[in-house]
Amino acid sequence: MIVNDFGVLVQSGKTKTIGENVESISDHLTKVDDQMQAGDARMTRIEDNVAEVRDELSRNTEATQELERNTRDLVEFFQAMQGAFRVLNWLGKIARPAAYVVGLGTALVGFWAALKGHMK
């Protein structure tokens, strides 16, 4: 194990010259620069996509609000009809016994008229 004057481990074998070190650093910086440019291009695409999604979301929200405004009257109508059906159901529950009473009354009046007509 070879250590240089600064305490850094040096690979055994050939030691790099300053020119080789500069070239290695330059290659590494080129790779880093390429990665940074690729990241910048990717981020630009992402930002463009976010802008498109925001525009689509805005249009979707407007369409949803317009649909709500257009269907508000229809919903109110259906709610009113639901209340009307409840009232009609109650009237129907009352009408059955009332129909029996009216039918009985009609039968009694008919019977009375028949008796009166037969007695003359």
PDB file of N, CA and C in Angstrom:
ATOM      1  N   MET A   1       0.844  -1.157   0.000  1.00  0.00           N
ATOM      2  CA  MET A   1       0.000   0.000   0.000  1.00  0.00           C
ATOM      3  C   MET A   1       0.904   1.240   0.000  1.00  0.00           C
ATOM      4  N   ILE A   2       0.634   2.115  -0.951  1.00  0.00           N
ATOM      5  CA  ILE A   2       1.470   3.314  -1.096  1.00  0.00           C
ATOM      6  C   ILE A   2       0.607   4.523  -0.764  1.00  0.00           C
ATOM      7  N   VAL A   3       1.137   5.403   0.050  1.00  0.00           N
ATOM      8  CA  VAL A   3       0.432   6.622   0.447  1.00  0.00           C
ATOM      9  C   VAL A   3       1.299   7.789   0.016  1.00  0.00           C
ATOM     10  N   ASN A   4       0.681   8.813  -0.589  1.00  0.00           N
ATOM     11  CA  ASN A   4       1.462   9.984  -1.009  1.00  0.00           C
ATOM     12  C   ASN A   4       1.700  10.913   0.175  1.00  0.00           C
ATOM     13  N   ASP A   5       2.303  12.061  -0.093  1.00  0.00           N
ATOM     14  CA  ASP A   5       2.662  12.994   0.969  1.00  0.00           C
ATOM     15  C   ASP A   5       1.440  13.547   1.710  1.00  0.00           C
ATOM     16  N   PHE A   6       0.262  13.479   1.086  1.00  0.00           N
ATOM     17  CA  PHE A   6      -0.952  14.038   1.695  1.00  0.00           C
ATOM     18  C   PHE A   6      -1.795  12.968   2.390  1.00  0.00           C
ATOM     19  N   GLY A   7      -1.318  11.744   2.435  1.00  0.00           N
ATOM     20  CA  GLY A   7      -2.020  10.670   3.103  1.00  0.00           C
ATOM     21  C   GLY A   7      -3.073   9.998   2.241  1.00  0.00           C
ATOM     22  N   VAL A   8      -3.022  10.239   0.940  1.00  0.00           N
ATOM     23  CA  VAL A   8      -3.992   9.654   0.025  1.00  0.00           C
ATOM     24  C   VAL A   8      -3.423   8.374  -0.523  1.00  0.00           C
ATOM     25  N   LEU A   9      -4.273   7.333  -0.540  1.00  0.00           N
ATOM     26  CA  LEU A   9      -3.839   6.036  -1.039  1.00  0.00           C
ATOM     27  C   LEU A   9      -3.578   6.138  -2.536  1.00  0.00           C
ATOM     28  N   VAL A  10      -2.441   5.664  -2.969  1.00  0.00           N
ATOM     29  CA  VAL A  10      -2.057   5.683  -4.374  1.00  0.00           C
ATOM     30  C   VAL A  10      -2.063   4.252  -4.868  1.00  0.00           C
ATOM     31  N   GLN A  11      -2.624   4.050  -6.050  1.00  0.00           N
ATOM     32  CA  GLN A  11      -2.647   2.721  -6.630  1.00  0.00           C
ATOM     33  C   GLN A  11      -1.209   2.268  -6.863  1.00  0.00           C
ATOM     34  N   SER A  12      -1.002   1.032  -6.581  1.00  0.00           N
ATOM     35  CA  SER A  12       0.348   0.520  -6.805  1.00  0.00           C
ATOM     36  C   SER A  12       0.583   0.418  -8.299  1.00  0.00           C
ATOM     37  N   GLY A  13       1.740   0.574  -8.707  1.00  0.00           N
ATOM     38  CA  GLY A  13       2.054   0.532 -10.118  1.00  0.00           C
ATOM     39  C   GLY A  13       2.414   1.916 -10.597  1.00  0.00           C
ATOM     40  N   LYS A  14       1.944   2.244 -11.777  1.00  0.00           N
ATOM     41  CA  LYS A  14       2.290   3.517 -12.402  1.00  0.00           C
ATOM     42  C   LYS A  14       1.488   4.649 -11.768  1.00  0.00           C
ATOM     43  N   THR A  15       2.136   5.712 -11.422  1.00  0.00           N
ATOM     44  CA  THR A  15       1.505   6.909 -10.899  1.00  0.00           C
ATOM     45  C   THR A  15       1.195   7.820 -12.075  1.00  0.00           C
ATOM     46  N   LYS A  16       0.006   8.457 -12.032  1.00  0.00           N
ATOM     47  CA  LYS A  16      -0.411   9.334 -13.133  1.00  0.00           C
ATOM     48  C   LYS A  16       0.373  10.635 -13.090  1.00  0.00           C
ATOM     49  N   THR A  17       0.607  11.130 -14.293  1.00  0.00           N
ATOM     50  CA  THR A  17       1.266  12.429 -14.391  1.00  0.00           C
ATOM     51  C   THR A  17       0.229  13.520 -14.226  1.00  0.00           C
ATOM     52  N   ILE A  18       0.674  14.722 -14.075  1.00  0.00           N
ATOM     53  CA  ILE A  18      -0.240  15.856 -13.919  1.00  0.00           C
ATOM     54  C   ILE A  18      -1.107  15.996 -15.167  1.00  0.00           C
ATOM     55  N   GLY A  19      -0.574  15.815 -16.315  1.00  0.00           N
ATOM     56  CA  GLY A  19      -1.335  15.904 -17.567  1.00  0.00           C
ATOM     57  C   GLY A  19      -2.426  14.847 -17.613  1.00  0.00           C
ATOM     58  N   GLU A  20      -2.096  13.632 -17.161  1.00  0.00           N
ATOM     59  CA  GLU A  20      -3.095  12.561 -17.151  1.00  0.00           C
ATOM     60  C   GLU A  20      -4.202  12.876 -16.148  1.00  0.00           C
ATOM     61  N   ASN A  21      -3.816  13.431 -15.005  1.00  0.00           N
ATOM     62  CA  ASN A  21      -4.824  13.815 -14.006  1.00  0.00           C
ATOM     63  C   ASN A  21      -5.738  14.904 -14.546  1.00  0.00           C
ATOM     64  N   VAL A  22      -5.149  15.888 -15.221  1.00  0.00           N
ATOM     65  CA  VAL A  22      -5.954  16.977 -15.806  1.00  0.00           C
ATOM     66  C   VAL A  22      -6.882  16.411 -16.866  1.00  0.00           C
ATOM     67  N   GLU A  23      -6.409  15.505 -17.668  1.00  0.00           N
ATOM     68  CA  GLU A  23      -7.242  14.896 -18.715  1.00  0.00           C
ATOM     69  C   GLU A  23      -8.370  14.081 -18.093  1.00  0.00           C
ATOM     70  N   SER A  24      -8.064  13.348 -17.027  1.00  0.00           N
ATOM     71  CA  SER A  24      -9.082  12.561 -16.341  1.00  0.00           C
ATOM     72  C   SER A  24     -10.161  13.471 -15.743  1.00  0.00           C
ATOM     73  N   ILE A  25      -9.707  14.567 -15.126  1.00  0.00           N
ATOM     74  CA  ILE A  25     -10.656  15.527 -14.557  1.00  0.00           C
ATOM     75  C   ILE A  25     -11.492  16.159 -15.668  1.00  0.00           C
ATOM     76  N   SER A  26     -10.880  16.478 -16.769  1.00  0.00           N
ATOM     77  CA  SER A  26     -11.589  17.069 -17.907  1.00  0.00           C
ATOM     78  C   SER A  26     -12.644  16.109 -18.450  1.00  0.00           C
ATOM     79  N   ASP A  27     -12.300  14.831 -18.571  1.00  0.00           N
ATOM     80  CA  ASP A  27     -13.270  13.825 -19.026  1.00  0.00           C
ATOM     81  C   ASP A  27     -14.443  13.733 -18.044  1.00  0.00           C
ATOM     82  N   HIS A  28     -14.108  13.729 -16.764  1.00  0.00           N
ATOM     83  CA  HIS A  28     -15.152  13.643 -15.746  1.00  0.00           C
ATOM     84  C   HIS A  28     -16.074  14.870 -15.806  1.00  0.00           C
ATOM     85  N   LEU A  29     -15.484  16.055 -15.962  1.00  0.00           N
ATOM     86  CA  LEU A  29     -16.286  17.286 -16.057  1.00  0.00           C
ATOM     87  C   LEU A  29     -17.156  17.278 -17.313  1.00  0.00           C
ATOM     88  N   THR A  30     -16.663  16.706 -18.388  1.00  0.00           N
ATOM     89  CA  THR A  30     -17.461  16.594 -19.619  1.00  0.00           C
ATOM     90  C   THR A  30     -18.669  15.696 -19.381  1.00  0.00           C
ATOM     91  N   LYS A  31     -18.443  14.575 -18.679  1.00  0.00           N
ATOM     92  CA  LYS A  31     -19.556  13.670 -18.362  1.00  0.00           C
ATOM     93  C   LYS A  31     -20.579  14.375 -17.467  1.00  0.00           C
ATOM     94  N   VAL A  32     -20.088  15.100 -16.470  1.00  0.00           N
ATOM     95  CA  VAL A  32     -20.985  15.819 -15.560  1.00  0.00           C
ATOM     96  C   VAL A  32     -21.777  16.877 -16.330  1.00  0.00           C
ATOM     97  N   ASP A  33     -21.106  17.580 -17.233  1.00  0.00           N
ATOM     98  CA  ASP A  33     -21.788  18.598 -18.048  1.00  0.00           C
ATOM     99  C   ASP A  33     -22.856  17.963 -18.928  1.00  0.00           C
ATOM    100  N   ASP A  34     -22.552  16.818 -19.530  1.00  0.00           N
ATOM    101  CA  ASP A  34     -23.550  16.118 -20.358  1.00  0.00           C
ATOM    102  C   ASP A  34     -24.760  15.709 -19.507  1.00  0.00           C
ATOM    103  N   GLN A  35     -24.487  15.210 -18.304  1.00  0.00           N
ATOM    104  CA  GLN A  35     -25.590  14.821 -17.418  1.00  0.00           C
ATOM    105  C   GLN A  35     -26.425  16.033 -17.008  1.00  0.00           C
ATOM    106  N   MET A  36     -25.761  17.146 -16.756  1.00  0.00           N
ATOM    107  CA  MET A  36     -26.482  18.369 -16.387  1.00  0.00           C
ATOM    108  C   MET A  36     -27.365  18.852 -17.543  1.00  0.00           C
ATOM    109  N   GLN A  37     -26.826  18.805 -18.764  1.00  0.00           N
ATOM    110  CA  GLN A  37     -27.621  19.230 -19.929  1.00  0.00           C
ATOM    111  C   GLN A  37     -28.811  18.294 -20.147  1.00  0.00           C
ATOM    112  N   ALA A  38     -28.608  16.993 -19.967  1.00  0.00           N
ATOM    113  CA  ALA A  38     -29.709  16.036 -20.104  1.00  0.00           C
ATOM    114  C   ALA A  38     -30.756  16.297 -19.014  1.00  0.00           C
ATOM    115  N   GLY A  39     -30.306  16.591 -17.802  1.00  0.00           N
ATOM    116  CA  GLY A  39     -31.231  16.907 -16.710  1.00  0.00           C
ATOM    117  C   GLY A  39     -32.001  18.186 -16.981  1.00  0.00           C
ATOM    118  N   ASP A  40     -31.328  19.182 -17.549  1.00  0.00           N
ATOM    119  CA  ASP A  40     -31.990  20.442 -17.890  1.00  0.00           C
ATOM    120  C   ASP A  40     -33.060  20.209 -18.957  1.00  0.00           C
ATOM    121  N   ALA A  41     -32.738  19.422 -19.968  1.00  0.00           N
ATOM    122  CA  ALA A  41     -33.725  19.119 -21.019  1.00  0.00           C
ATOM    123  C   ALA A  41     -34.916  18.365 -20.430  1.00  0.00           C
ATOM    124  N   ARG A  42     -34.637  17.419 -19.554  1.00  0.00           N
ATOM    125  CA  ARG A  42     -35.727  16.648 -18.907  1.00  0.00           C
ATOM    126  C   ARG A  42     -36.598  17.572 -18.057  1.00  0.00           C
ATOM    127  N   MET A  43     -35.986  18.450 -17.297  1.00  0.00           N
ATOM    128  CA  MET A  43     -36.748  19.371 -16.454  1.00  0.00           C
ATOM    129  C   MET A  43     -37.600  20.314 -17.309  1.00  0.00           C
ATOM    130  N   THR A  44     -37.068  20.750 -18.438  1.00  0.00           N
ATOM    131  CA  THR A  44     -37.838  21.605 -19.344  1.00  0.00           C
ATOM    132  C   THR A  44     -39.067  20.867 -19.854  1.00  0.00           C
ATOM    133  N   ARG A  45     -38.897  19.583 -20.220  1.00  0.00           N
ATOM    134  CA  ARG A  45     -40.047  18.782 -20.669  1.00  0.00           C
ATOM    135  C   ARG A  45     -41.074  18.634 -19.557  1.00  0.00           C
ATOM    136  N   ILE A  46     -40.587  18.397 -18.343  1.00  0.00           N
ATOM    137  CA  ILE A  46     -41.502  18.241 -17.203  1.00  0.00           C
ATOM    138  C   ILE A  46     -42.267  19.538 -16.962  1.00  0.00           C
ATOM    139  N   GLU A  47     -41.583  20.669 -16.999  1.00  0.00           N
ATOM    140  CA  GLU A  47     -42.249  21.957 -16.783  1.00  0.00           C
ATOM    141  C   GLU A  47     -43.282  22.220 -17.867  1.00  0.00           C
ATOM    142  N   ASP A  48     -42.951  21.867 -19.123  1.00  0.00           N
ATOM    143  CA  ASP A  48     -43.917  22.036 -20.215  1.00  0.00           C
ATOM    144  C   ASP A  48     -45.136  21.146 -19.988  1.00  0.00           C
ATOM    145  N   ASN A  49     -44.898  19.906 -19.534  1.00  0.00           N
ATOM    146  CA  ASN A  49     -46.011  18.990 -19.263  1.00  0.00           C
ATOM    147  C   ASN A  49     -46.880  19.513 -18.124  1.00  0.00           C
ATOM    148  N   VAL A  50     -46.264  20.080 -17.096  1.00  0.00           N
ATOM    149  CA  VAL A  50     -47.018  20.626 -15.971  1.00  0.00           C
ATOM    150  C   VAL A  50     -47.887  21.790 -16.453  1.00  0.00           C
ATOM    151  N   ALA A  51     -47.346  22.627 -17.321  1.00  0.00           N
ATOM    152  CA  ALA A  51     -48.131  23.745 -17.852  1.00  0.00           C
ATOM    153  C   ALA A  51     -49.328  23.224 -18.654  1.00  0.00           C
ATOM    154  N   GLU A  52     -49.108  22.187 -19.457  1.00  0.00           N
ATOM    155  CA  GLU A  52     -50.210  21.605 -20.234  1.00  0.00           C
ATOM    156  C   GLU A  52     -51.260  21.007 -19.308  1.00  0.00           C
ATOM    157  N   VAL A  53     -50.811  20.321 -18.259  1.00  0.00           N
ATOM    158  CA  VAL A  53     -51.754  19.707 -17.315  1.00  0.00           C
ATOM    159  C   VAL A  53     -52.555  20.795 -16.596  1.00  0.00           C
ATOM    160  N   ARG A  54     -51.903  21.893 -16.242  1.00  0.00           N
ATOM    161  CA  ARG A  54     -52.621  23.000 -15.593  1.00  0.00           C
ATOM    162  C   ARG A  54     -53.675  23.576 -16.527  1.00  0.00           C
ATOM    163  N   ASP A  55     -53.340  23.754 -17.804  1.00  0.00           N
ATOM    164  CA  ASP A  55     -54.310  24.266 -18.769  1.00  0.00           C
ATOM    165  C   ASP A  55     -55.495  23.311 -18.911  1.00  0.00           C
ATOM    166  N   GLU A  56     -55.199  22.019 -19.024  1.00  0.00           N
ATOM    167  CA  GLU A  56     -56.272  21.025 -19.154  1.00  0.00           C
ATOM    168  C   GLU A  56     -57.127  20.989 -17.892  1.00  0.00           C
ATOM    169  N   LEU A  57     -56.507  21.087 -16.726  1.00  0.00           N
ATOM    170  CA  LEU A  57     -57.243  21.098 -15.470  1.00  0.00           C
ATOM    171  C   LEU A  57     -58.149  22.325 -15.389  1.00  0.00           C
ATOM    172  N   SER A  58     -57.646  23.459 -15.834  1.00  0.00           N
ATOM    173  CA  SER A  58     -58.440  24.687 -15.831  1.00  0.00           C
ATOM    174  C   SER A  58     -59.655  24.535 -16.741  1.00  0.00           C
ATOM    175  N   ARG A  59     -59.441  23.982 -17.946  1.00  0.00           N
ATOM    176  CA  ARG A  59     -60.570  23.771 -18.872  1.00  0.00           C
ATOM    177  C   ARG A  59     -61.560  22.768 -18.296  1.00  0.00           C
ATOM    178  N   ASN A  60     -61.052  21.728 -17.652  1.00  0.00           N
ATOM    179  CA  ASN A  60     -61.915  20.715 -17.039  1.00  0.00           C
ATOM    180  C   ASN A  60     -62.746  21.329 -15.913  1.00  0.00           C
ATOM    181  N   THR A  61     -62.124  22.175 -15.104  1.00  0.00           N
ATOM    182  CA  THR A  61     -62.839  22.832 -14.006  1.00  0.00           C
ATOM    183  C   THR A  61     -63.938  23.729 -14.549  1.00  0.00           C
ATOM    184  N   GLU A  62     -63.636  24.482 -15.601  1.00  0.00           N
ATOM    185  CA  GLU A  62     -64.658  25.350 -16.203  1.00  0.00           C
ATOM    186  C   GLU A  62     -65.818  24.527 -16.753  1.00  0.00           C
ATOM    187  N   ALA A  63     -65.508  23.415 -17.409  1.00  0.00           N
ATOM    188  CA  ALA A  63     -66.561  22.553 -17.957  1.00  0.00           C
ATOM    189  C   ALA A  63     -67.407  21.958 -16.841  1.00  0.00           C
ATOM    190  N   THR A  64     -66.777  21.569 -15.748  1.00  0.00           N
ATOM    191  CA  THR A  64     -67.517  21.006 -14.621  1.00  0.00           C
ATOM    192  C   THR A  64     -68.434  22.048 -14.000  1.00  0.00           C
ATOM    193  N   GLN A  65     -67.944  23.264 -13.857  1.00  0.00           N
ATOM    194  CA  GLN A  65     -68.772  24.327 -13.293  1.00  0.00           C
ATOM    195  C   GLN A  65     -69.936  24.662 -14.220  1.00  0.00           C
ATOM    196  N   GLU A  66     -69.698  24.668 -15.517  1.00  0.00           N
ATOM    197  CA  GLU A  66     -70.778  24.931 -16.472  1.00  0.00           C
ATOM    198  C   GLU A  66     -71.818  23.816 -16.418  1.00  0.00           C
ATOM    199  N   LEU A  67     -71.354  22.578 -16.317  1.00  0.00           N
ATOM    200  CA  LEU A  67     -72.277  21.443 -16.205  1.00  0.00           C
ATOM    201  C   LEU A  67     -73.111  21.567 -14.934  1.00  0.00           C
ATOM    202  N   GLU A  68     -72.493  21.986 -13.855  1.00  0.00           N
ATOM    203  CA  GLU A  68     -73.231  22.169 -12.593  1.00  0.00           C
ATOM    204  C   GLU A  68     -74.304  23.241 -12.756  1.00  0.00           C
ATOM    205  N   ARG A  69     -73.947  24.356 -13.410  1.00  0.00           N
ATOM    206  CA  ARG A  69     -74.936  25.419 -13.622  1.00  0.00           C
ATOM    207  C   ARG A  69     -76.086  24.927 -14.500  1.00  0.00           C
ATOM    208  N   ASN A  70     -75.757  24.133 -15.516  1.00  0.00           N
ATOM    209  CA  ASN A  70     -76.789  23.659 -16.436  1.00  0.00           C
ATOM    210  C   ASN A  70     -77.705  22.625 -15.806  1.00  0.00           C
ATOM    211  N   THR A  71     -77.202  21.841 -14.894  1.00  0.00           N
ATOM    212  CA  THR A  71     -78.009  20.767 -14.329  1.00  0.00           C
ATOM    213  C   THR A  71     -78.652  21.142 -12.998  1.00  0.00           C
ATOM    214  N   ARG A  72     -78.359  22.327 -12.482  1.00  0.00           N
ATOM    215  CA  ARG A  72     -78.915  22.736 -11.197  1.00  0.00           C
ATOM    216  C   ARG A  72     -80.443  22.716 -11.227  1.00  0.00           C
ATOM    217  N   ASP A  73     -81.053  23.274 -12.298  1.00  0.00           N
ATOM    218  CA  ASP A  73     -82.516  23.284 -12.400  1.00  0.00           C
ATOM    219  C   ASP A  73     -83.074  21.871 -12.485  1.00  0.00           C
ATOM    220  N   LEU A  74     -82.393  21.020 -13.213  1.00  0.00           N
ATOM    221  CA  LEU A  74     -82.849  19.635 -13.349  1.00  0.00           C
ATOM    222  C   LEU A  74     -82.809  18.911 -12.004  1.00  0.00           C
ATOM    223  N   VAL A  75     -81.770  19.133 -11.237  1.00  0.00           N
ATOM    224  CA  VAL A  75     -81.656  18.518  -9.914  1.00  0.00           C
ATOM    225  C   VAL A  75     -82.772  19.038  -9.005  1.00  0.00           C
ATOM    226  N   GLU A  76     -83.021  20.348  -9.038  1.00  0.00           N
ATOM    227  CA  GLU A  76     -84.103  20.915  -8.223  1.00  0.00           C
ATOM    228  C   GLU A  76     -85.446  20.316  -8.626  1.00  0.00           C
ATOM    229  N   PHE A  77     -85.672  20.126  -9.934  1.00  0.00           N
ATOM    230  CA  PHE A  77     -86.916  19.531 -10.413  1.00  0.00           C
ATOM    231  C   PHE A  77     -87.071  18.116  -9.862  1.00  0.00           C
ATOM    232  N   PHE A  78     -86.008  17.316  -9.934  1.00  0.00           N
ATOM    233  CA  PHE A  78     -86.087  15.942  -9.434  1.00  0.00           C
ATOM    234  C   PHE A  78     -86.321  15.909  -7.920  1.00  0.00           C
ATOM    235  N   GLN A  79     -85.720  16.838  -7.194  1.00  0.00           N
ATOM    236  CA  GLN A  79     -85.950  16.892  -5.756  1.00  0.00           C
ATOM    237  C   GLN A  79     -87.396  17.272  -5.458  1.00  0.00           C
ATOM    238  N   ALA A  80     -87.951  18.206  -6.240  1.00  0.00           N
ATOM    239  CA  ALA A  80     -89.351  18.575  -6.063  1.00  0.00           C
ATOM    240  C   ALA A  80     -90.268  17.398  -6.389  1.00  0.00           C
ATOM    241  N   MET A  81     -89.929  16.669  -7.451  1.00  0.00           N
ATOM    242  CA  MET A  81     -90.741  15.508  -7.820  1.00  0.00           C
ATOM    243  C   MET A  81     -90.661  14.435  -6.735  1.00  0.00           C
ATOM    244  N   GLN A  82     -89.531  14.294  -6.109  1.00  0.00           N
ATOM    245  CA  GLN A  82     -89.381  13.329  -5.032  1.00  0.00           C
ATOM    246  C   GLN A  82     -90.319  13.702  -3.881  1.00  0.00           C
ATOM    247  N   GLY A  83     -90.397  14.984  -3.553  1.00  0.00           N
ATOM    248  CA  GLY A  83     -91.324  15.440  -2.522  1.00  0.00           C
ATOM    249  C   GLY A  83     -92.768  15.226  -2.945  1.00  0.00           C
ATOM    250  N   ALA A  84     -93.057  15.471  -4.222  1.00  0.00           N
ATOM    251  CA  ALA A  84     -94.426  15.268  -4.717  1.00  0.00           C
ATOM    252  C   ALA A  84     -94.812  13.798  -4.633  1.00  0.00           C
ATOM    253  N   PHE A  85     -93.909  12.908  -4.941  1.00  0.00           N
ATOM    254  CA  PHE A  85     -94.220  11.477  -4.852  1.00  0.00           C
ATOM    255  C   PHE A  85     -94.454  11.058  -3.400  1.00  0.00           C
ATOM    256  N   ARG A  86     -93.741  11.659  -2.477  1.00  0.00           N
ATOM    257  CA  ARG A  86     -93.997  11.360  -1.063  1.00  0.00           C
ATOM    258  C   ARG A  86     -95.418  11.772  -0.682  1.00  0.00           C
ATOM    259  N   VAL A  87     -95.805  12.987  -1.117  1.00  0.00           N
ATOM    260  CA  VAL A  87     -97.156  13.476  -0.814  1.00  0.00           C
ATOM    261  C   VAL A  87     -98.191  12.568  -1.457  1.00  0.00           C
ATOM    262  N   LEU A  88     -97.974  12.194  -2.720  1.00  0.00           N
ATOM    263  CA  LEU A  88     -98.925  11.308  -3.398  1.00  0.00           C
ATOM    264  C   LEU A  88     -98.996   9.944  -2.711  1.00  0.00           C
ATOM    265  N   ASN A  89     -97.889   9.458  -2.211  1.00  0.00           N
ATOM    266  CA  ASN A  89     -97.886   8.187  -1.482  1.00  0.00           C
ATOM    267  C   ASN A  89     -98.733   8.305  -0.214  1.00  0.00           C
ATOM    268  N   TRP A  90     -98.587   9.425   0.509  1.00  0.00           N
ATOM    269  CA  TRP A  90     -99.404   9.631   1.700  1.00  0.00           C
ATOM    270  C   TRP A  90    -100.886   9.708   1.326  1.00  0.00           C
ATOM    271  N   LEU A  91    -101.173  10.455   0.244  1.00  0.00           N
ATOM    272  CA  LEU A  91    -102.576  10.552  -0.198  1.00  0.00           C
ATOM    273  C   LEU A  91    -103.110   9.181  -0.583  1.00  0.00           C
ATOM    274  N   GLY A  92    -102.271   8.362  -1.199  1.00  0.00           N
ATOM    275  CA  GLY A  92    -102.685   7.014  -1.573  1.00  0.00           C
ATOM    276  C   GLY A  92    -102.987   6.165  -0.349  1.00  0.00           C
ATOM    277  N   LYS A  93    -102.203   6.341   0.687  1.00  0.00           N
ATOM    278  CA  LYS A  93    -102.461   5.600   1.928  1.00  0.00           C
ATOM    279  C   LYS A  93    -103.776   6.049   2.569  1.00  0.00           C
ATOM    280  N   ILE A  94    -104.093   7.316   2.449  1.00  0.00           N
ATOM    281  CA  ILE A  94    -105.357   7.834   2.987  1.00  0.00           C
ATOM    282  C   ILE A  94    -106.519   7.448   2.072  1.00  0.00           C
ATOM    283  N   ALA A  95    -106.282   7.422   0.763  1.00  0.00           N
ATOM    284  CA  ALA A  95    -107.357   7.190  -0.209  1.00  0.00           C
ATOM    285  C   ALA A  95    -107.917   5.775  -0.117  1.00  0.00           C
ATOM    286  N   ARG A  96    -107.140   4.788   0.213  1.00  0.00           N
ATOM    287  CA  ARG A  96    -107.655   3.416   0.286  1.00  0.00           C
ATOM    288  C   ARG A  96    -108.785   3.289   1.312  1.00  0.00           C
ATOM    289  N   PRO A  97    -108.533   3.680   2.558  1.00  0.00           N
ATOM    290  CA  PRO A  97    -109.647   3.587   3.511  1.00  0.00           C
ATOM    291  C   PRO A  97    -110.799   4.527   3.139  1.00  0.00           C
ATOM    292  N   ALA A  98    -110.484   5.702   2.604  1.00  0.00           N
ATOM    293  CA  ALA A  98    -111.537   6.635   2.203  1.00  0.00           C
ATOM    294  C   ALA A  98    -112.381   6.029   1.092  1.00  0.00           C
ATOM    295  N   ALA A  99    -111.759   5.293   0.180  1.00  0.00           N
ATOM    296  CA  ALA A  99    -112.512   4.645  -0.901  1.00  0.00           C
ATOM    297  C   ALA A  99    -113.444   3.587  -0.340  1.00  0.00           C
ATOM    298  N   TYR A 100    -112.998   2.863   0.679  1.00  0.00           N
ATOM    299  CA  TYR A 100    -113.875   1.873   1.309  1.00  0.00           C
ATOM    300  C   TYR A 100    -115.078   2.548   1.959  1.00  0.00           C
ATOM    301  N   VAL A 101    -114.811   3.679   2.641  1.00  0.00           N
ATOM    302  CA  VAL A 101    -115.897   4.410   3.298  1.00  0.00           C
ATOM    303  C   VAL A 101    -116.867   4.945   2.259  1.00  0.00           C
ATOM    304  N   VAL A 102    -116.349   5.530   1.172  1.00  0.00           N
ATOM    305  CA  VAL A 102    -117.207   6.056   0.104  1.00  0.00           C
ATOM    306  C   VAL A 102    -117.983   4.911  -0.544  1.00  0.00           C
ATOM    307  N   GLY A 103    -117.323   3.789  -0.772  1.00  0.00           N
ATOM    308  CA  GLY A 103    -118.009   2.623  -1.356  1.00  0.00           C
ATOM    309  C   GLY A 103    -119.118   2.123  -0.449  1.00  0.00           C
ATOM    310  N   LEU A 104    -118.845   2.058   0.835  1.00  0.00           N
ATOM    311  CA  LEU A 104    -119.871   1.638   1.788  1.00  0.00           C
ATOM    312  C   LEU A 104    -121.022   2.627   1.808  1.00  0.00           C
ATOM    313  N   GLY A 105    -120.691   3.918   1.807  1.00  0.00           N
ATOM    314  CA  GLY A 105    -121.737   4.953   1.780  1.00  0.00           C
ATOM    315  C   GLY A 105    -122.571   4.852   0.516  1.00  0.00           C
ATOM    316  N   THR A 106    -121.956   4.643  -0.630  1.00  0.00           N
ATOM    317  CA  THR A 106    -122.672   4.508  -1.900  1.00  0.00           C
ATOM    318  C   THR A 106    -123.577   3.281  -1.864  1.00  0.00           C
ATOM    319  N   ALA A 107    -123.064   2.197  -1.305  1.00  0.00           N
ATOM    320  CA  ALA A 107    -123.883   0.981  -1.211  1.00  0.00           C
ATOM    321  C   ALA A 107    -125.080   1.209  -0.299  1.00  0.00           C
ATOM    322  N   LEU A 108    -124.873   1.903   0.808  1.00  0.00           N
ATOM    323  CA  LEU A 108    -125.975   2.184   1.714  1.00  0.00           C
ATOM    324  C   LEU A 108    -127.017   3.090   1.066  1.00  0.00           C
ATOM    325  N   VAL A 109    -126.536   4.123   0.357  1.00  0.00           N
ATOM    326  CA  VAL A 109    -127.472   5.025  -0.343  1.00  0.00           C
ATOM    327  C   VAL A 109    -128.219   4.249  -1.407  1.00  0.00           C
ATOM    328  N   GLY A 110    -127.544   3.401  -2.140  1.00  0.00           N
ATOM    329  CA  GLY A 110    -128.212   2.570  -3.166  1.00  0.00           C
ATOM    330  C   GLY A 110    -129.214   1.627  -2.533  1.00  0.00           C
ATOM    331  N   PHE A 111    -128.826   1.039  -1.425  1.00  0.00           N
ATOM    332  CA  PHE A 111    -129.753   0.140  -0.725  1.00  0.00           C
ATOM    333  C   PHE A 111    -130.965   0.908  -0.219  1.00  0.00           C
ATOM    334  N   TRP A 112    -130.735   2.072   0.314  1.00  0.00           N
ATOM    335  CA  TRP A 112    -131.842   2.904   0.821  1.00  0.00           C
ATOM    336  C   TRP A 112    -132.761   3.326  -0.324  1.00  0.00           C
ATOM    337  N   ALA A 113    -132.158   3.716  -1.453  1.00  0.00           N
ATOM    338  CA  ALA A 113    -132.969   4.111  -2.613  1.00  0.00           C
ATOM    339  C   ALA A 113    -133.767   2.926  -3.120  1.00  0.00           C
ATOM    340  N   ALA A 114    -133.172   1.735  -3.101  1.00  0.00           N
ATOM    341  CA  ALA A 114    -133.889   0.544  -3.546  1.00  0.00           C
ATOM    342  C   ALA A 114    -135.035   0.244  -2.612  1.00  0.00           C
ATOM    343  N   LEU A 115    -134.826   0.386  -1.325  1.00  0.00           N
ATOM    344  CA  LEU A 115    -135.894   0.140  -0.371  1.00  0.00           C
ATOM    345  C   LEU A 115    -137.023   1.158  -0.520  1.00  0.00           C
ATOM    346  N   LYS A 116    -136.681   2.405  -0.705  1.00  0.00           N
ATOM    347  CA  LYS A 116    -137.674   3.458  -0.900  1.00  0.00           C
ATOM    348  C   LYS A 116    -138.460   3.229  -2.164  1.00  0.00           C
ATOM    349  N   GLY A 117    -137.747   2.853  -3.233  1.00  0.00           N
ATOM    350  CA  GLY A 117    -138.412   2.623  -4.519  1.00  0.00           C
ATOM    351  C   GLY A 117    -139.286   1.376  -4.457  1.00  0.00           C
ATOM    352  N   HIS A 118    -138.939   0.410  -3.728  1.00  0.00           N
ATOM    353  CA  HIS A 118    -139.699  -0.830  -3.628  1.00  0.00           C
ATOM    354  C   HIS A 118    -140.937  -0.634  -2.751  1.00  0.00           C
ATOM    355  N   MET A 119    -140.864   0.248  -1.797  1.00  0.00           N
ATOM    356  CA  MET A 119    -141.969   0.496  -0.900  1.00  0.00           C
ATOM    357  C   MET A 119    -143.063   1.329  -1.520  1.00  0.00           C
ATOM    358  N   LYS A 120    -142.877   2.013  -2.553  1.00  0.00           N
ATOM    359  CA  LYS A 120    -143.894   2.857  -3.134  1.00  0.00           C
ATOM    360  C   LYS A 120    -144.895   2.079  -3.852  1.00  0.00           C
TER     361      LYS A 120
END
